[in-house]
């Protein structure tokens, strides 16, 4: 057991619960810093329950609180909140991360790394991405989806985190090109997340429906084209094949964007397709597919009867930590 090694997870959603359960199962002492009251109460009382596809479950006890002072001098942290929550999460993390601590972001979208660096400093932030998936059944109850891996950028502290994640059952690789790493996931997310959200299908469904499969490849090509014109080298040679591999590896997963829309929550579409559109405008690269997906997802929740969700998201993002 590694009960003397503390790992702080920032967030209480699907991915946060997945990582908390797997790290706890590996023997690490897991702590969670969150703002979702329902999840904090349920996890504190019942622990995190991880349910497999056969319905079997395991329960893992973690320490959880909304108060950063509970976790003073945290040395290692994983940031697993939505992109629109990053600034608030970084401010809260700054209150408890030790001076020589390290926070690894495994979030979706563009801009999270820069936001964390602006608040925590370059030496305390490590960029990473993951293709692991999870479905939040209810607060504190999570179902893993797929066998995605983790890519970590270059940093003096990468080895320590890599060991922890490997011992927790994740496939880990190290990548020197941080910007390419972030854009690599962004390109894939720009196709998989909005399409599954709009069509209301699991990731694997994009490979089973020929028109959706074709559109997924077209979107990845458009997004990769923006990256190429920006001089960014992606971590794979074929964007379409990379997206297909992720969709295959996470075939049973309901993307985070689909889960958000299902429960009427804010999505990360602004940080994904929205950022690609804005980047394309700066360099004069047309992005009609990303623009269309961006606006369709932005329209879907209000169309389903959640007209105030964006206002609520803004209020939460701007709330004092």
Protein backbone atom coordinates (compact mmCIF):
# COMPACT_ATOMS: atom_id res chain seq x y z
CA UNK A 1 0.00 0.00 0.00
CA UNK A 2 1.06 3.58 -0.68
CA UNK A 3 -1.21 5.25 1.85
CA UNK A 4 1.46 7.83 2.73
CA UNK A 5 1.43 9.23 -0.83
CA UNK A 6 -1.29 11.84 -1.25
CA UNK A 7 -2.79 12.61 -4.64
CA UNK A 8 -5.17 15.55 -4.93
CA UNK A 9 -7.82 15.42 -7.64
CA UNK A 10 -9.50 18.70 -8.54
CA UNK A 11 -13.04 17.95 -9.66
CA UNK A 12 -15.89 15.58 -8.80
CA UNK A 13 -17.29 14.66 -12.24
CA UNK A 14 -16.97 11.50 -14.29
CA UNK A 15 -13.24 11.69 -15.05
CA UNK A 16 -12.37 12.87 -11.55
CA UNK A 17 -14.25 9.92 -10.05
CA UNK A 18 -12.66 7.49 -12.51
CA UNK A 19 -9.15 8.60 -11.65
CA UNK A 20 -9.92 8.75 -7.93
CA UNK A 21 -11.19 5.17 -7.97
CA UNK A 22 -8.28 3.79 -9.96
CA UNK A 23 -5.63 5.60 -7.93
CA UNK A 24 -7.30 4.52 -4.70
CA UNK A 25 -7.43 0.94 -5.96
CA UNK A 26 -3.67 1.11 -6.55
CA UNK A 27 -3.15 2.03 -2.90
CA UNK A 28 -2.75 5.80 -3.08
CA UNK A 29 -4.35 8.14 -0.55
CA UNK A 30 -6.74 10.12 -2.76
CA UNK A 31 -8.12 13.53 -1.88
CA UNK A 32 -10.71 15.44 -3.90
CA UNK A 33 -11.29 19.19 -4.06
CA UNK A 34 -14.70 20.05 -5.51
CA UNK A 35 -17.57 22.51 -5.62
CA UNK A 36 -20.50 20.23 -6.47
CA UNK A 37 -22.34 19.98 -3.15
CA UNK A 38 -24.31 16.83 -3.98
CA UNK A 39 -21.19 14.94 -5.02
CA UNK A 40 -19.21 16.10 -1.98
CA UNK A 41 -21.94 14.91 0.41
CA UNK A 42 -22.46 11.55 -1.31
CA UNK A 43 -18.77 10.77 -1.80
CA UNK A 44 -17.96 11.71 1.80
CA UNK A 45 -20.72 9.38 3.02
CA UNK A 46 -20.52 6.49 0.55
CA UNK A 47 -17.17 6.76 -1.20
CA UNK A 48 -16.79 6.44 -4.96
CA UNK A 49 -18.50 3.47 -6.54
CA UNK A 50 -17.04 2.21 -9.82
CA UNK A 51 -19.41 0.01 -11.84
CA UNK A 52 -18.20 -2.18 -14.71
CA UNK A 53 -20.15 -3.12 -17.83
CA UNK A 54 -21.39 -6.33 -16.16
CA UNK A 55 -22.89 -4.36 -13.29
CA UNK A 56 -20.29 -5.44 -10.73
CA UNK A 57 -19.01 -2.64 -8.54
CA UNK A 58 -16.27 -1.65 -6.13
CA UNK A 59 -16.32 1.16 -3.62
CA UNK A 60 -13.32 3.33 -2.76
CA UNK A 61 -13.02 5.70 0.16
CA UNK A 62 -11.44 9.10 -0.46
CA UNK A 63 -11.11 12.34 1.45
CA UNK A 64 -13.22 15.09 -0.09
CA UNK A 65 -13.90 18.74 0.68
CA UNK A 66 -14.76 22.06 -0.93
CA UNK A 67 -12.23 23.85 1.32
CA UNK A 68 -8.70 24.13 -0.12
CA UNK A 69 -7.29 24.53 3.39
CA UNK A 70 -8.16 20.87 3.99
CA UNK A 71 -5.43 19.93 1.51
CA UNK A 72 -2.59 22.33 2.38
CA UNK A 73 0.87 21.44 1.06
CA UNK A 74 -0.43 19.07 -1.60
CA UNK A 75 2.48 17.98 -3.74
CA UNK A 76 0.80 16.21 -6.68
CA UNK A 77 -2.55 17.15 -8.21
CA UNK A 78 -4.65 16.13 -11.20
CA UNK A 79 -6.90 18.82 -12.69
CA UNK A 80 -10.06 17.19 -14.07
CA UNK A 81 -12.67 19.96 -14.21
CA UNK A 82 -14.53 21.33 -17.23
CA UNK A 83 -12.71 23.98 -19.25
CA UNK A 84 -15.12 26.73 -18.17
CA UNK A 85 -14.25 25.91 -14.54
CA UNK A 86 -10.47 26.09 -14.97
CA UNK A 87 -9.85 29.62 -13.73
CA UNK A 88 -11.84 29.10 -10.55
CA UNK A 89 -10.24 25.68 -9.98
CA UNK A 90 -6.75 27.12 -10.45
CA UNK A 91 -7.43 29.84 -7.90
CA UNK A 92 -8.59 27.25 -5.38
CA UNK A 93 -5.64 25.00 -6.13
CA UNK A 94 -3.22 27.90 -5.60
CA UNK A 95 -4.33 27.95 -1.96
CA UNK A 96 -3.22 24.39 -1.26
CA UNK A 97 -0.60 23.30 -3.81
CA UNK A 98 2.87 23.35 -2.25
CA UNK A 99 5.56 25.66 -3.60
CA UNK A 100 7.32 22.72 -5.25
CA UNK A 101 4.07 20.96 -6.13
CA UNK A 102 2.95 19.87 -9.57
CA UNK A 103 -0.51 19.93 -11.16
CA UNK A 104 -1.20 17.80 -14.24
CA UNK A 105 -4.06 18.94 -16.45
CA UNK A 106 -5.83 16.21 -18.41
CA UNK A 107 -8.70 18.44 -19.52
CA UNK A 108 -10.42 18.87 -22.86
CA UNK A 109 -10.08 21.97 -24.97
CA UNK A 110 -7.64 24.77 -25.59
CA UNK A 111 -6.47 27.31 -23.01
CA UNK A 112 -6.54 25.26 -19.80
CA UNK A 113 -2.75 24.93 -19.57
CA UNK A 114 -2.22 28.66 -20.07
CA UNK A 115 -4.86 29.52 -17.48
CA UNK A 116 -3.24 27.23 -14.92
CA UNK A 117 0.24 28.57 -15.68
CA UNK A 118 -0.95 32.17 -15.27
CA UNK A 119 -2.16 31.39 -11.75
CA UNK A 120 0.17 28.63 -10.54
CA UNK A 121 3.36 29.40 -12.46
CA UNK A 122 5.08 27.46 -15.22
CA UNK A 123 7.08 25.20 -12.90
CA UNK A 124 3.98 23.89 -11.15
CA UNK A 125 1.93 22.90 -14.21
CA UNK A 126 2.29 19.90 -16.50
CA UNK A 127 0.25 19.45 -19.68
CA UNK A 128 -1.27 16.12 -20.55
CA UNK A 129 -4.15 14.51 -22.38
CA UNK A 130 -6.11 11.32 -21.99
CA UNK A 131 -8.38 9.28 -24.20
CA UNK A 132 -9.78 7.42 -21.20
CA UNK A 133 -13.52 7.73 -20.91
CA UNK A 134 -16.09 7.49 -18.14
CA UNK A 135 -19.82 7.88 -17.63
CA UNK A 136 -21.18 9.43 -14.45
CA UNK A 137 -24.23 7.39 -13.51
CA UNK A 138 -24.99 9.67 -10.58
CA UNK A 139 -22.96 11.74 -8.14
CA UNK A 140 -20.09 9.56 -6.93
CA UNK A 141 -20.98 6.59 -9.16
CA UNK A 142 -18.93 6.10 -12.33
CA UNK A 143 -18.65 3.57 -15.14
CA UNK A 144 -15.32 3.32 -17.04
CA UNK A 145 -15.60 3.39 -20.83
CA UNK A 146 -12.81 2.21 -23.07
CA UNK A 147 -9.14 1.64 -22.46
CA UNK A 148 -7.74 5.04 -23.36
CA UNK A 149 -4.18 6.06 -22.64
CA UNK A 150 -2.48 9.13 -21.19
CA UNK A 151 0.11 11.35 -22.85
CA UNK A 152 2.25 13.63 -20.68
CA UNK A 153 4.35 16.60 -21.75
CA UNK A 154 7.96 17.20 -20.80
CA UNK A 155 8.59 18.35 -17.22
CA UNK A 156 11.08 17.48 -14.46
CA UNK A 157 8.23 15.97 -12.44
CA UNK A 158 6.79 13.84 -15.22
CA UNK A 159 8.41 10.60 -14.04
CA UNK A 160 6.75 10.65 -10.60
CA UNK A 161 3.30 11.16 -12.08
CA UNK A 162 3.95 8.62 -14.81
CA UNK A 163 4.76 5.94 -12.24
CA UNK A 164 1.62 6.70 -10.25
CA UNK A 165 -0.61 6.56 -13.32
CA UNK A 166 0.98 3.35 -14.61
CA UNK A 167 0.58 1.67 -11.24
CA UNK A 168 -3.07 2.70 -11.39
CA UNK A 169 -3.55 0.79 -14.63
CA UNK A 170 -3.23 3.56 -17.21
CA UNK A 171 -1.10 3.37 -20.35
CA UNK A 172 1.32 6.31 -20.21
CA UNK A 173 3.58 7.87 -22.83
CA UNK A 174 5.80 10.95 -22.67
CA UNK A 175 5.63 13.59 -25.40
CA UNK A 176 8.12 16.44 -25.86
CA UNK A 177 5.83 18.67 -27.92
CA UNK A 178 3.33 20.07 -25.39
CA UNK A 179 1.51 22.32 -27.84
CA UNK A 180 1.20 19.49 -30.31
CA UNK A 181 -0.05 17.25 -27.50
CA UNK A 182 -2.86 19.65 -26.61
CA UNK A 183 -3.81 20.29 -30.23
CA UNK A 184 -3.65 16.57 -30.94
CA UNK A 185 -6.49 15.92 -28.53
CA UNK A 186 -8.30 19.08 -29.60
CA UNK A 187 -8.42 17.93 -33.22
CA UNK A 188 -9.91 14.57 -32.21
CA UNK A 189 -12.32 16.12 -29.70
CA UNK A 190 -13.57 18.60 -32.30
CA UNK A 191 -14.99 15.69 -34.28
CA UNK A 192 -16.00 13.08 -31.71
CA UNK A 193 -17.51 15.20 -28.95
CA UNK A 194 -19.93 17.45 -30.86
CA UNK A 195 -21.01 14.76 -33.32
CA UNK A 196 -21.87 12.28 -30.57
CA UNK A 197 -23.64 15.06 -28.65
CA UNK A 198 -25.73 16.15 -31.63
CA UNK A 199 -26.54 12.63 -32.81
CA UNK A 200 -27.01 11.26 -29.27
CA UNK A 201 -24.82 8.22 -29.88
CA UNK A 202 -21.85 6.57 -28.21
CA UNK A 203 -18.36 7.13 -29.60
CA UNK A 204 -18.37 3.83 -31.48
CA UNK A 205 -21.53 4.85 -33.28
CA UNK A 206 -19.50 7.29 -35.36
CA UNK A 207 -17.75 4.32 -36.95
CA UNK A 208 -20.96 2.40 -37.56
CA UNK A 209 -22.84 5.19 -39.35
CA UNK A 210 -21.19 5.88 -42.71
CA UNK A 211 -22.28 9.54 -43.02
CA UNK A 212 -21.16 10.27 -39.44
CA UNK A 213 -17.88 8.45 -40.04
CA UNK A 214 -17.25 10.53 -43.15
CA UNK A 215 -18.10 13.76 -41.37
CA UNK A 216 -15.82 12.85 -38.45
CA UNK A 217 -12.90 12.49 -40.86
CA UNK A 218 -13.73 15.77 -42.59
CA UNK A 219 -13.84 17.66 -39.28
CA UNK A 220 -10.52 16.23 -38.12
CA UNK A 221 -8.93 17.24 -41.42
CA UNK A 222 -10.26 20.79 -41.09
CA UNK A 223 -9.06 21.09 -37.48
CA UNK A 224 -5.68 19.57 -38.31
CA UNK A 225 -5.36 22.05 -41.18
CA UNK A 226 -5.62 24.95 -38.73
CA UNK A 227 -2.95 23.36 -36.56
CA UNK A 228 -0.68 22.88 -39.57
CA UNK A 229 -1.02 26.52 -40.64
CA UNK A 230 -0.15 27.56 -37.09
CA UNK A 231 3.03 25.53 -37.37
CA UNK A 232 1.92 22.97 -34.80
CA UNK A 233 3.14 19.41 -35.24
CA UNK A 234 0.47 16.95 -34.18
CA UNK A 235 1.50 13.78 -32.29
CA UNK A 236 0.19 11.50 -35.05
CA UNK A 237 0.66 11.42 -38.84
CA UNK A 238 -2.96 10.80 -39.84
CA UNK A 239 -5.65 12.81 -37.96
CA UNK A 240 -8.51 10.77 -39.38
CA UNK A 241 -6.94 7.47 -38.37
CA UNK A 242 -6.16 8.85 -34.92
CA UNK A 243 -9.80 9.88 -34.40
CA UNK A 244 -10.99 6.49 -35.60
CA UNK A 245 -8.66 4.75 -33.14
CA UNK A 246 -9.97 6.84 -30.23
CA UNK A 247 -13.58 6.17 -31.26
CA UNK A 248 -12.79 2.45 -31.45
CA UNK A 249 -10.95 2.36 -28.10
CA UNK A 250 -13.80 4.23 -26.38
CA UNK A 251 -16.64 2.73 -28.43
CA UNK A 252 -18.98 2.26 -25.46
CA UNK A 253 -18.32 5.70 -24.01
CA UNK A 254 -20.89 8.48 -24.03
CA UNK A 255 -18.68 11.51 -24.63
CA UNK A 256 -18.46 14.14 -21.91
CA UNK A 257 -20.27 16.58 -24.18
CA UNK A 258 -23.15 14.16 -24.69
CA UNK A 259 -23.33 13.59 -20.94
CA UNK A 260 -23.40 17.35 -20.34
CA UNK A 261 -26.20 17.90 -22.82
CA UNK A 262 -28.20 15.00 -21.41
CA UNK A 263 -28.25 16.61 -17.96
CA UNK A 264 -28.60 20.18 -19.22
CA UNK A 265 -25.13 21.22 -18.08
CA UNK A 266 -22.69 23.63 -19.76
CA UNK A 267 -20.55 21.97 -22.43
CA UNK A 268 -16.94 22.57 -23.44
CA UNK A 269 -17.83 23.40 -27.05
CA UNK A 270 -16.43 26.96 -26.74
CA UNK A 271 -13.03 25.56 -25.73
CA UNK A 272 -13.05 22.98 -28.53
CA UNK A 273 -14.73 23.91 -31.83
CA UNK A 274 -15.08 27.54 -30.74
CA UNK A 275 -11.34 27.87 -30.17
CA UNK A 276 -10.55 26.22 -33.51
CA UNK A 277 -12.84 28.70 -35.27
CA UNK A 278 -11.14 31.63 -33.51
CA UNK A 279 -7.67 30.27 -34.28
CA UNK A 280 -8.67 29.80 -37.92
CA UNK A 281 -9.89 33.39 -38.18
CA UNK A 282 -6.55 34.71 -36.93
CA UNK A 283 -4.68 33.03 -39.76
CA UNK A 284 -7.37 33.30 -42.43
CA UNK A 285 -8.16 29.59 -42.47
CA UNK A 286 -11.87 28.83 -43.07
CA UNK A 287 -13.48 26.46 -40.55
CA UNK A 288 -17.08 25.99 -41.72
CA UNK A 289 -17.48 22.53 -40.21
CA UNK A 290 -16.22 23.55 -36.77
CA UNK A 291 -18.36 26.68 -36.91
CA UNK A 292 -21.46 24.64 -37.72
CA UNK A 293 -20.83 22.12 -34.94
CA UNK A 294 -20.06 24.94 -32.49
CA UNK A 295 -23.37 26.68 -33.16
CA UNK A 296 -25.41 23.47 -33.25
CA UNK A 297 -24.18 22.37 -29.84
CA UNK A 298 -24.67 25.89 -28.46
CA UNK A 299 -28.28 25.69 -29.67
CA UNK A 300 -29.12 22.19 -28.51
CA UNK A 301 -29.57 22.63 -24.76
CA UNK A 302 -31.78 25.74 -25.06
CA UNK A 303 -33.77 23.83 -27.66
CA UNK A 304 -34.26 21.03 -25.13
CA UNK A 305 -35.64 23.41 -22.55
CA UNK A 306 -32.62 24.63 -20.57
CA UNK A 307 -32.58 28.32 -21.59
CA UNK A 308 -30.56 29.58 -18.61
CA UNK A 309 -27.76 27.04 -18.51
CA UNK A 310 -25.15 29.38 -20.01
CA UNK A 311 -25.96 32.16 -17.57
CA UNK A 312 -25.63 29.69 -14.73
CA UNK A 313 -22.28 28.53 -16.11
CA UNK A 314 -20.96 32.09 -16.26
CA UNK A 315 -22.05 32.73 -12.69
CA UNK A 316 -20.32 29.57 -11.49
CA UNK A 317 -17.14 30.29 -13.43
CA UNK A 318 -16.94 33.81 -12.06
CA UNK A 319 -17.83 32.87 -8.49
CA UNK A 320 -15.17 33.61 -5.91
CA UNK A 321 -13.31 30.44 -4.91
